[in-house]
Amino acid sequence: MNMNATSITYFIFLGFPSHSEVQILMFILLFSVYVISITGNCLIVVLTWTDIILHTPMYFFLKLLSFLEICYISVTLPKMLHNLLSGDRTISFSGCAVQMYFLLFLGTVECFLLASMSYDRYIAICLPLHYATRMSKEVCINLTLASWLSGFFLPLVNTGWAFSLPYCDSNEINHFFCDFPPVLKLACVDTSLNELVMLVSSLVITLVPCIFILLSYIFILGTVLRMTSTKARQKVFSTCSSHLIMVIIFYGTASFMYLHPKSSYSMERDKFLSLLYTVLTPMLNPIIYTLRNTEVKKSLRSIGNKEQAYISSLSLKRFVSSSLKKSRRRS
């Protein structure tokens, strides 16, 4: 009880496979996922930034979500790839604290950002005449600031308190990265109060936005059922389905991870779930939004046509230039 938390200066990850062949396979798989995630989310950021057609509140939030996914996957995956490639599975005590904080910080921001996106869809579908005023640029910025400030402050207590505990027994984390449950399990004091505070904060972070999203879609569903045009219904469903899929994947895995009782805690299951919401969700975000969103697909085709036109004009200029040079030589 009297031992200081700094008695442990680093942690060792035990979640990685021991066989070198499996490690190589895992490295290739995770590296591919990372490249796809970064490329896809960067593409959405560029599209929504450059295409004036996508300068709407809906795509403003989508741009922020994609930027958030880039940051989110970069908190854990580069370190995991380094551990697999080098064989060094250690992380410093302070590095573990920073990783956990940013993991909770960005996860909290995503919860509230997804709720802001559902509010945008509610106003657009249920109150279209008030959309310009209810979803003005100032409102979008305020919702964004509220999401980021919530993410900044809410995880501070849990992370700061967790890393002020004494870790004097073991420094081996049975996980791939510094997540709250496996790290807290190593503390050599009673952590029941920490777990209770984490459970309460997780309820606030996940259930409050989730209830808000649920209410938004109840009103949206009521509006859709009153529509007489089949085409209008299909447009609404195509617009909302991408957001709903992301909500189900993210909230589903995060809720199973942080809201289950201690008696049902399973390290192997939680390791699998943590990989889903930290690695798979950022990769699926650009895939879901590009495959199911007609405006994003149009923007992609427009960029592709512009590139083809540019390449064609460049080839024509080179052909004309070479022809002129040949004619000058002959003359």
Protein backbone atom coordinates (compact mmCIF):
# COMPACT_ATOMS: atom_id res chain seq x y z
CA MET A 1 0.00 0.00 0.00
CA ASN A 2 2.89 2.38 0.68
CA MET A 3 4.68 1.62 -2.57
CA ASN A 4 4.72 4.44 -5.09
CA ALA A 5 3.14 4.10 -8.56
CA THR A 6 6.56 4.81 -10.09
CA SER A 7 7.90 1.49 -8.74
CA ILE A 8 7.02 0.21 -12.22
CA THR A 9 8.60 2.21 -15.03
CA TYR A 10 7.31 0.21 -18.00
CA PHE A 11 4.70 -2.37 -19.01
CA ILE A 12 4.97 -5.47 -21.22
CA PHE A 13 2.19 -6.47 -23.64
CA LEU A 14 1.32 -10.17 -23.57
CA GLY A 15 -1.53 -10.09 -26.09
CA PHE A 16 0.65 -10.78 -29.14
CA PRO A 17 1.16 -14.32 -30.49
CA SER A 18 4.41 -16.06 -29.62
CA HIS A 19 5.01 -17.80 -32.97
CA SER A 20 7.01 -15.73 -35.45
CA GLU A 21 4.94 -16.91 -38.44
CA VAL A 22 1.73 -15.73 -36.76
CA GLN A 23 3.39 -12.44 -35.81
CA ILE A 24 4.39 -11.80 -39.44
CA LEU A 25 0.87 -12.62 -40.62
CA MET A 26 -0.61 -10.36 -37.96
CA PHE A 27 1.79 -7.55 -38.90
CA ILE A 28 0.83 -7.77 -42.60
CA LEU A 29 -2.87 -7.83 -41.73
CA LEU A 30 -2.72 -4.88 -39.32
CA PHE A 31 -0.44 -2.88 -41.62
CA SER A 32 -2.89 -3.41 -44.50
CA VAL A 33 -5.79 -2.30 -42.29
CA TYR A 34 -3.83 0.79 -41.23
CA VAL A 35 -3.01 1.79 -44.81
CA ILE A 36 -6.62 1.27 -45.93
CA SER A 37 -7.94 3.27 -42.96
CA ILE A 38 -5.56 6.20 -43.39
CA THR A 39 -5.99 6.32 -47.18
CA GLY A 40 -9.79 6.02 -47.08
CA ASN A 41 -10.34 8.55 -44.31
CA CYS A 42 -7.86 11.01 -45.85
CA LEU A 43 -9.75 10.67 -49.14
CA ILE A 44 -13.03 11.59 -47.44
CA VAL A 45 -11.38 14.59 -45.73
CA VAL A 46 -9.99 15.81 -49.07
CA LEU A 47 -13.30 15.24 -50.91
CA THR A 48 -15.41 17.06 -48.32
CA TRP A 49 -12.84 19.86 -48.13
CA THR A 50 -12.40 20.50 -51.87
CA ASP A 51 -15.79 19.66 -53.42
CA ILE A 52 -18.15 22.63 -52.94
CA ILE A 53 -21.19 20.34 -53.32
CA LEU A 54 -20.16 18.60 -50.10
CA HIS A 55 -19.90 21.86 -48.12
CA THR A 56 -22.97 21.05 -46.00
CA PRO A 57 -23.36 20.32 -42.25
CA MET A 58 -23.74 16.59 -42.94
CA TYR A 59 -20.38 16.38 -44.71
CA PHE A 60 -18.81 18.81 -42.26
CA PHE A 61 -19.45 16.22 -39.52
CA LEU A 62 -18.35 13.40 -41.83
CA LYS A 63 -15.05 15.22 -42.43
CA LEU A 64 -14.54 15.55 -38.67
CA LEU A 65 -15.43 11.89 -38.14
CA SER A 66 -12.88 10.80 -40.74
CA PHE A 67 -10.19 13.00 -39.17
CA LEU A 68 -11.11 11.54 -35.79
CA GLU A 69 -10.77 7.97 -37.14
CA ILE A 70 -7.28 8.80 -38.46
CA CYS A 71 -6.26 9.98 -34.98
CA TYR A 72 -8.06 7.11 -33.24
CA ILE A 73 -6.38 4.29 -35.13
CA SER A 74 -3.00 6.07 -34.91
CA VAL A 75 -3.10 6.00 -31.10
CA THR A 76 -2.72 2.21 -30.94
CA LEU A 77 -1.83 0.65 -34.28
CA PRO A 78 1.62 2.17 -34.99
CA LYS A 79 2.80 1.01 -31.55
CA MET A 80 1.32 -2.45 -32.17
CA LEU A 81 3.09 -2.67 -35.54
CA HIS A 82 6.38 -1.57 -33.94
CA ASN A 83 6.00 -4.23 -31.22
CA LEU A 84 5.32 -6.94 -33.80
CA LEU A 85 8.20 -5.90 -36.07
CA SER A 86 10.87 -5.28 -33.44
CA GLY A 87 9.86 -7.93 -30.92
CA ASP A 88 10.07 -5.27 -28.19
CA ARG A 89 6.67 -5.44 -26.47
CA THR A 90 7.33 -2.81 -23.83
CA ILE A 91 5.78 0.63 -23.32
CA SER A 92 6.87 3.20 -20.75
CA PHE A 93 4.65 4.01 -17.77
CA SER A 94 4.01 7.55 -19.02
CA GLY A 95 3.57 6.30 -22.59
CA CYS A 96 0.90 3.87 -21.39
CA ALA A 97 -0.92 6.69 -19.58
CA VAL A 98 -0.84 8.89 -22.68
CA GLN A 99 -2.08 6.06 -24.91
CA MET A 100 -4.98 5.25 -22.58
CA TYR A 101 -5.97 8.91 -22.23
CA PHE A 102 -6.08 9.56 -25.97
CA LEU A 103 -7.92 6.29 -26.56
CA LEU A 104 -10.64 7.35 -24.10
CA PHE A 105 -10.51 10.97 -25.29
CA LEU A 106 -11.05 10.19 -28.97
CA GLY A 107 -13.62 7.48 -28.20
CA THR A 108 -15.64 9.98 -26.14
CA VAL A 109 -15.48 12.58 -28.91
CA GLU A 110 -16.73 10.00 -31.44
CA CYS A 111 -19.72 9.15 -29.23
CA PHE A 112 -20.84 12.78 -29.08
CA LEU A 113 -19.96 13.44 -32.71
CA LEU A 114 -22.19 10.56 -33.85
CA ALA A 115 -24.98 12.10 -31.76
CA SER A 116 -24.42 15.47 -33.48
CA MET A 117 -24.68 13.74 -36.86
CA SER A 118 -28.02 12.19 -35.85
CA TYR A 119 -29.29 15.65 -34.82
CA ASP A 120 -28.29 16.96 -38.25
CA ARG A 121 -30.28 14.14 -39.95
CA TYR A 122 -33.27 14.80 -37.66
CA ILE A 123 -33.40 18.50 -38.58
CA ALA A 124 -32.86 17.80 -42.30
CA ILE A 125 -35.66 15.21 -42.51
CA CYS A 126 -38.19 16.28 -39.86
CA LEU A 127 -37.74 20.08 -39.96
CA PRO A 128 -36.38 20.83 -43.46
CA LEU A 129 -37.75 24.41 -43.53
CA HIS A 130 -35.73 25.25 -40.41
CA TYR A 131 -32.55 23.48 -41.52
CA ALA A 132 -30.65 26.62 -42.54
CA THR A 133 -31.14 28.23 -39.12
CA ARG A 134 -31.04 25.13 -36.88
CA MET A 135 -27.88 23.80 -38.57
CA SER A 136 -26.02 27.03 -39.26
CA LYS A 137 -22.24 27.20 -39.34
CA GLU A 138 -22.22 28.53 -35.78
CA VAL A 139 -24.37 25.62 -34.52
CA CYS A 140 -22.09 23.07 -36.22
CA ILE A 141 -19.00 24.65 -34.64
CA ASN A 142 -20.66 24.72 -31.18
CA LEU A 143 -21.65 21.04 -31.45
CA THR A 144 -18.10 20.18 -32.51
CA LEU A 145 -16.56 22.16 -29.64
CA ALA A 146 -18.92 20.49 -27.15
CA SER A 147 -17.90 17.04 -28.46
CA TRP A 148 -14.16 17.76 -28.25
CA LEU A 149 -14.37 19.45 -24.83
CA SER A 150 -16.37 16.50 -23.45
CA GLY A 151 -13.71 14.15 -24.77
CA PHE A 152 -10.94 16.28 -23.28
CA PHE A 153 -12.28 16.53 -19.72
CA LEU A 154 -14.28 13.33 -19.05
CA PRO A 155 -11.35 10.82 -19.37
CA LEU A 156 -9.00 12.97 -17.27
CA VAL A 157 -10.34 11.69 -13.94
CA ASN A 158 -10.24 8.00 -14.88
CA THR A 159 -6.81 8.12 -16.49
CA GLY A 160 -5.20 10.33 -13.84
CA TRP A 161 -6.66 8.27 -10.99
CA ALA A 162 -5.74 4.94 -12.59
CA PHE A 163 -2.07 5.90 -13.02
CA SER A 164 -1.79 7.33 -9.50
CA LEU A 165 -2.40 3.82 -8.10
CA PRO A 166 0.56 1.65 -7.01
CA TYR A 167 1.58 -0.97 -9.61
CA CYS A 168 3.99 -3.02 -7.56
CA ASP A 169 3.15 -6.65 -8.34
CA SER A 170 3.30 -7.20 -12.09
CA ASN A 171 3.93 -5.09 -15.18
CA GLU A 172 2.59 -7.58 -17.76
CA ILE A 173 -0.56 -6.39 -19.57
CA ASN A 174 -2.50 -9.22 -21.18
CA HIS A 175 -3.53 -7.03 -24.09
CA PHE A 176 -2.34 -5.35 -27.31
CA PHE A 177 -2.41 -1.80 -25.93
CA CYS A 178 -3.08 0.16 -22.73
CA ASP A 179 -6.82 -0.16 -22.23
CA PHE A 180 -8.48 0.62 -18.90
CA PRO A 181 -9.63 -2.85 -17.63
CA PRO A 182 -6.39 -4.82 -18.24
CA VAL A 183 -4.17 -2.03 -16.84
CA LEU A 184 -6.31 -1.55 -13.73
CA LYS A 185 -6.15 -5.30 -13.11
CA LEU A 186 -2.40 -4.94 -12.35
CA ALA A 187 -2.85 -2.47 -9.48
CA CYS A 188 -1.97 -3.93 -6.08
CA VAL A 189 -4.82 -2.17 -4.23
CA ASP A 190 -8.60 -2.51 -4.29
CA THR A 191 -9.83 -0.90 -7.52
CA SER A 192 -13.59 -1.30 -6.95
CA LEU A 193 -14.12 2.46 -6.67
CA ASN A 194 -12.12 3.08 -9.87
CA GLU A 195 -14.22 0.50 -11.68
CA LEU A 196 -17.43 2.07 -10.38
CA VAL A 197 -16.37 5.56 -11.51
CA MET A 198 -15.38 4.15 -14.90
CA LEU A 199 -18.74 2.41 -15.22
CA VAL A 200 -20.64 5.60 -14.37
CA SER A 201 -18.59 7.72 -16.78
CA SER A 202 -19.00 5.05 -19.49
CA LEU A 203 -22.76 5.15 -18.96
CA VAL A 204 -22.73 8.93 -19.39
CA ILE A 205 -20.45 8.81 -22.43
CA THR A 206 -22.26 6.00 -24.25
CA LEU A 207 -25.88 5.96 -23.08
CA VAL A 208 -26.60 9.72 -23.18
CA PRO A 209 -25.56 10.11 -26.86
CA CYS A 210 -27.11 6.72 -27.66
CA ILE A 211 -30.50 7.77 -26.22
CA PHE A 212 -30.26 11.03 -28.17
CA ILE A 213 -29.54 9.09 -31.38
CA LEU A 214 -32.40 6.68 -30.68
CA LEU A 215 -34.89 9.53 -30.14
CA SER A 216 -33.69 11.26 -33.32
CA TYR A 217 -34.28 8.15 -35.39
CA ILE A 218 -37.69 7.52 -33.81
CA PHE A 219 -38.77 10.96 -35.05
CA ILE A 220 -37.11 10.31 -38.42
CA LEU A 221 -38.91 6.98 -38.76
CA GLY A 222 -42.23 8.67 -37.96
CA THR A 223 -41.58 11.25 -40.68
CA VAL A 224 -40.56 8.59 -43.21
CA LEU A 225 -43.73 6.55 -42.58
CA ARG A 226 -45.81 9.63 -43.38
CA MET A 227 -44.06 10.12 -46.73
CA THR A 228 -46.09 9.14 -49.79
CA SER A 229 -43.19 9.15 -52.27
CA THR A 230 -41.21 5.90 -52.49
CA LYS A 231 -38.28 7.80 -53.99
CA ALA A 232 -38.18 10.19 -51.02
CA ARG A 233 -38.19 7.26 -48.61
CA GLN A 234 -35.33 5.58 -50.42
CA LYS A 235 -33.32 8.81 -50.35
CA VAL A 236 -33.81 9.14 -46.59
CA PHE A 237 -32.85 5.51 -45.96
CA SER A 238 -29.72 5.79 -48.14
CA THR A 239 -28.70 8.97 -46.28
CA CYS A 240 -29.26 7.57 -42.78
CA SER A 241 -28.20 3.94 -43.25
CA SER A 242 -24.44 4.69 -43.32
CA HIS A 243 -24.66 6.62 -40.07
CA LEU A 244 -26.77 3.92 -38.43
CA ILE A 245 -24.30 1.18 -39.41
CA MET A 246 -21.41 3.15 -37.87
CA VAL A 247 -23.45 3.79 -34.70
CA ILE A 248 -24.32 0.09 -34.29
CA ILE A 249 -20.71 -1.08 -34.85
CA PHE A 250 -19.08 1.53 -32.59
CA TYR A 251 -21.61 1.62 -29.76
CA GLY A 252 -22.13 -2.14 -29.85
CA THR A 253 -18.45 -3.03 -29.37
CA ALA A 254 -17.75 -0.17 -26.92
CA SER A 255 -20.77 -1.06 -24.76
CA PHE A 256 -19.76 -4.73 -24.57
CA MET A 257 -16.25 -3.63 -23.61
CA TYR A 258 -16.97 -1.06 -20.87
CA LEU A 259 -20.51 -1.70 -19.61
CA HIS A 260 -20.44 -5.41 -18.75
CA PRO A 261 -20.34 -6.46 -15.05
CA LYS A 262 -17.02 -7.51 -13.51
CA SER A 263 -18.30 -11.07 -13.00
CA SER A 264 -18.59 -11.57 -16.77
CA TYR A 265 -15.12 -10.17 -17.54
CA SER A 266 -13.27 -12.24 -20.16
CA MET A 267 -9.81 -11.12 -21.25
CA GLU A 268 -9.82 -13.01 -24.56
CA ARG A 269 -13.27 -11.69 -25.52
CA ASP A 270 -12.37 -8.13 -24.55
CA LYS A 271 -9.14 -8.26 -26.55
CA PHE A 272 -11.15 -9.24 -29.63
CA LEU A 273 -13.77 -6.53 -29.02
CA SER A 274 -11.11 -3.87 -28.46
CA LEU A 275 -9.56 -4.71 -31.84
CA LEU A 276 -12.98 -4.28 -33.44
CA TYR A 277 -13.66 -0.77 -32.15
CA THR A 278 -10.08 0.54 -32.35
CA VAL A 279 -8.96 -1.03 -35.66
CA LEU A 280 -11.95 -2.24 -37.66
CA THR A 281 -14.27 0.76 -37.14
CA PRO A 282 -11.83 3.34 -38.59
CA MET A 283 -11.30 1.10 -41.63
CA LEU A 284 -15.04 0.56 -42.20
CA ASN A 285 -15.91 4.27 -41.92
CA PRO A 286 -14.69 5.32 -45.42
CA ILE A 287 -15.90 2.06 -46.98
CA ILE A 288 -19.44 2.44 -45.62
CA TYR A 289 -19.75 6.12 -46.50
CA THR A 290 -18.29 5.82 -50.02
CA LEU A 291 -20.20 2.69 -51.03
CA ARG A 292 -23.58 3.82 -49.69
CA ASN A 293 -23.47 7.58 -50.30
CA THR A 294 -24.39 8.75 -53.80
CA GLU A 295 -22.97 12.28 -53.41
CA VAL A 296 -19.58 10.99 -52.24
CA LYS A 297 -19.51 8.53 -55.17
CA LYS A 298 -20.37 11.37 -57.59
CA SER A 299 -17.54 13.45 -56.14
CA LEU A 300 -15.13 10.52 -56.56
CA ARG A 301 -16.22 10.04 -60.18
CA SER A 302 -15.86 13.77 -60.79
CA ILE A 303 -12.28 13.72 -59.51
CA GLY A 304 -11.57 10.63 -61.63
CA ASN A 305 -12.96 12.35 -64.75
CA LYS A 306 -10.90 15.48 -64.03
CA GLU A 307 -7.74 13.39 -63.67
CA GLN A 308 -8.48 11.58 -66.93
CA ALA A 309 -9.11 14.90 -68.69
CA TYR A 310 -5.86 16.29 -67.28
CA ILE A 311 -3.89 13.22 -68.38
CA SER A 312 -5.48 13.39 -71.84
CA SER A 313 -4.70 17.11 -72.22
CA LEU A 314 -1.14 16.52 -71.03
CA SER A 315 -0.70 13.68 -73.54
CA LEU A 316 -2.13 15.89 -76.32
CA LYS A 317 0.25 18.72 -75.43
CA ARG A 318 3.21 16.32 -75.53
CA PHE A 319 2.05 14.93 -78.88
CA VAL A 320 1.64 18.43 -80.37
CA SER A 321 4.99 19.52 -78.94
CA SER A 322 6.80 16.48 -80.36
CA SER A 323 5.08 16.95 -83.75
CA LEU A 324 6.17 20.59 -83.87
CA LYS A 325 9.75 19.62 -83.03
CA LYS A 326 9.78 16.99 -85.80
CA SER A 327 8.37 19.45 -88.34
CA ARG A 328 11.01 22.05 -87.40
CA ARG A 329 13.77 19.46 -87.84
CA ARG A 330 12.49 18.54 -91.30
CA SER A 331 12.25 22.17 -92.33
